[in-house]
């Protein structure tokens, strides 16, 4: 995923929910993909905020 697109997604998510997960997950490729998917679901109204527990 393009880093600029990722940052836009994170900003949209943060504007809506605040940051509810540790940014260290963005450094792990596997967790980053899961995190992106979960943030997209949250922004689409399919789930609540993403937490660290969702990524462990």
N, C-alpha and C. Protein backbone atom coordinates (compact mmCIF):
# COMPACT_ATOMS: atom_id res chain seq x y z
N UNK A 1 0.84 -1.18 0.00
CA UNK A 1 0.00 0.00 0.00
C UNK A 1 0.89 1.24 0.00
N UNK A 2 0.51 2.21 -0.78
CA UNK A 2 1.22 3.48 -0.86
C UNK A 2 1.16 4.18 0.50
N UNK A 3 2.31 4.66 0.97
CA UNK A 3 2.37 5.30 2.29
C UNK A 3 1.47 6.54 2.38
N UNK A 4 1.35 7.29 1.29
CA UNK A 4 0.50 8.49 1.31
C UNK A 4 -0.96 8.09 1.51
N UNK A 5 -1.38 7.04 0.85
CA UNK A 5 -2.76 6.56 1.01
C UNK A 5 -2.97 6.06 2.44
N UNK A 6 -1.98 5.36 2.97
CA UNK A 6 -2.07 4.87 4.34
C UNK A 6 -2.22 6.04 5.32
N UNK A 7 -1.44 7.09 5.13
CA UNK A 7 -1.51 8.24 6.03
C UNK A 7 -2.87 8.94 5.94
N UNK A 8 -3.44 9.02 4.75
CA UNK A 8 -4.77 9.60 4.58
C UNK A 8 -5.80 8.76 5.33
N UNK A 9 -5.70 7.44 5.19
CA UNK A 9 -6.62 6.54 5.88
C UNK A 9 -6.49 6.69 7.40
N UNK A 10 -5.26 6.72 7.89
CA UNK A 10 -5.04 6.88 9.33
C UNK A 10 -5.60 8.22 9.81
N UNK A 11 -5.40 9.28 9.03
CA UNK A 11 -5.93 10.60 9.42
C UNK A 11 -7.45 10.59 9.47
N UNK A 12 -8.08 10.01 8.46
CA UNK A 12 -9.55 9.93 8.46
C UNK A 12 -10.04 9.15 9.67
N UNK A 13 -9.37 8.04 9.94
CA UNK A 13 -9.75 7.21 11.09
C UNK A 13 -9.57 8.00 12.39
N UNK A 14 -8.42 8.65 12.53
CA UNK A 14 -8.13 9.40 13.76
C UNK A 14 -9.10 10.56 13.95
N UNK A 15 -9.48 11.22 12.86
CA UNK A 15 -10.44 12.33 12.96
C UNK A 15 -11.78 11.83 13.48
N UNK A 16 -12.14 10.62 13.12
CA UNK A 16 -13.44 10.08 13.50
C UNK A 16 -13.42 9.39 14.86
N UNK A 17 -12.38 8.60 15.12
CA UNK A 17 -12.36 7.78 16.33
C UNK A 17 -11.27 8.16 17.33
N UNK A 18 -10.34 9.01 16.95
CA UNK A 18 -9.14 9.19 17.76
C UNK A 18 -8.24 7.99 17.47
N UNK A 19 -7.07 7.98 18.00
CA UNK A 19 -6.19 6.83 17.78
C UNK A 19 -6.43 5.85 18.93
N UNK A 20 -6.86 4.66 18.58
CA UNK A 20 -7.25 3.67 19.58
C UNK A 20 -6.35 2.43 19.54
N UNK A 21 -5.26 2.53 18.77
CA UNK A 21 -4.33 1.40 18.65
C UNK A 21 -2.92 1.96 18.65
N UNK A 22 -1.96 1.10 18.95
CA UNK A 22 -0.56 1.51 18.99
C UNK A 22 0.01 1.64 17.58
N UNK A 23 0.67 2.75 17.31
CA UNK A 23 1.22 2.98 15.97
C UNK A 23 2.31 1.99 15.61
N UNK A 24 2.86 1.26 16.59
CA UNK A 24 3.90 0.27 16.28
C UNK A 24 3.38 -0.80 15.32
N UNK A 25 2.07 -1.01 15.29
CA UNK A 25 1.50 -2.02 14.38
C UNK A 25 1.69 -1.64 12.91
N UNK A 26 1.89 -0.37 12.64
CA UNK A 26 2.11 0.07 11.26
C UNK A 26 3.49 -0.34 10.75
N UNK A 27 4.39 -0.72 11.67
CA UNK A 27 5.73 -1.15 11.28
C UNK A 27 5.80 -2.64 10.93
N UNK A 28 4.77 -3.38 11.26
CA UNK A 28 4.72 -4.82 11.00
C UNK A 28 3.85 -5.05 9.76
N UNK A 29 4.44 -5.54 8.68
CA UNK A 29 3.71 -5.67 7.40
C UNK A 29 2.42 -6.48 7.53
N UNK A 30 2.47 -7.61 8.25
CA UNK A 30 1.26 -8.44 8.39
C UNK A 30 0.18 -7.71 9.17
N UNK A 31 0.58 -7.10 10.28
CA UNK A 31 -0.40 -6.38 11.10
C UNK A 31 -0.89 -5.12 10.39
N UNK A 32 -0.01 -4.51 9.59
CA UNK A 32 -0.43 -3.30 8.87
C UNK A 32 -1.57 -3.62 7.91
N UNK A 33 -1.48 -4.73 7.21
CA UNK A 33 -2.56 -5.11 6.28
C UNK A 33 -3.87 -5.34 7.04
N UNK A 34 -3.78 -6.03 8.17
CA UNK A 34 -4.99 -6.27 8.98
C UNK A 34 -5.52 -4.95 9.52
N UNK A 35 -4.62 -4.09 9.97
CA UNK A 35 -5.02 -2.79 10.51
C UNK A 35 -5.73 -1.95 9.45
N UNK A 36 -5.18 -1.92 8.24
CA UNK A 36 -5.81 -1.17 7.14
C UNK A 36 -7.22 -1.70 6.90
N UNK A 37 -7.36 -3.01 6.85
CA UNK A 37 -8.67 -3.62 6.61
C UNK A 37 -9.65 -3.24 7.73
N UNK A 38 -9.21 -3.33 8.98
CA UNK A 38 -10.07 -3.00 10.11
C UNK A 38 -10.44 -1.52 10.13
N UNK A 39 -9.48 -0.64 9.80
CA UNK A 39 -9.79 0.80 9.75
C UNK A 39 -10.82 1.08 8.67
N UNK A 40 -10.68 0.42 7.52
CA UNK A 40 -11.65 0.62 6.45
C UNK A 40 -13.04 0.16 6.88
N UNK A 41 -13.12 -0.97 7.58
CA UNK A 41 -14.41 -1.46 8.09
C UNK A 41 -15.00 -0.46 9.09
N UNK A 42 -14.15 0.09 9.96
CA UNK A 42 -14.62 1.07 10.95
C UNK A 42 -15.18 2.31 10.26
N UNK A 43 -14.44 2.82 9.28
CA UNK A 43 -14.89 4.02 8.57
C UNK A 43 -16.16 3.77 7.78
N UNK A 44 -16.37 2.53 7.35
CA UNK A 44 -17.57 2.17 6.60
C UNK A 44 -18.76 1.89 7.52
N UNK A 45 -18.51 1.94 8.85
CA UNK A 45 -19.60 1.70 9.79
C UNK A 45 -19.88 0.22 10.04
N UNK A 46 -18.99 -0.65 9.62
CA UNK A 46 -19.19 -2.09 9.78
C UNK A 46 -18.71 -2.61 11.13
N UNK A 47 -17.95 -1.79 11.85
CA UNK A 47 -17.43 -2.19 13.16
C UNK A 47 -17.10 -0.93 13.94
N UNK A 48 -16.78 -1.10 15.21
CA UNK A 48 -16.38 0.03 16.04
C UNK A 48 -14.90 0.32 15.87
N UNK A 49 -14.34 1.13 16.75
CA UNK A 49 -12.93 1.48 16.68
C UNK A 49 -12.02 0.26 16.78
N UNK A 50 -10.86 0.35 16.18
CA UNK A 50 -9.86 -0.71 16.22
C UNK A 50 -9.03 -0.54 17.48
N UNK A 51 -8.78 -1.64 18.18
CA UNK A 51 -7.93 -1.60 19.37
C UNK A 51 -6.74 -2.53 19.20
N UNK A 52 -5.76 -2.40 20.08
CA UNK A 52 -4.61 -3.30 20.03
C UNK A 52 -5.05 -4.76 20.15
N UNK A 53 -6.10 -5.02 20.91
CA UNK A 53 -6.58 -6.40 21.07
C UNK A 53 -7.00 -7.01 19.73
N UNK A 54 -7.50 -6.18 18.81
CA UNK A 54 -7.90 -6.67 17.49
C UNK A 54 -6.70 -7.12 16.68
N UNK A 55 -5.53 -6.64 17.02
CA UNK A 55 -4.33 -6.89 16.23
C UNK A 55 -3.40 -7.92 16.84
N UNK A 56 -3.72 -8.41 18.04
CA UNK A 56 -2.86 -9.41 18.69
C UNK A 56 -3.34 -10.82 18.47
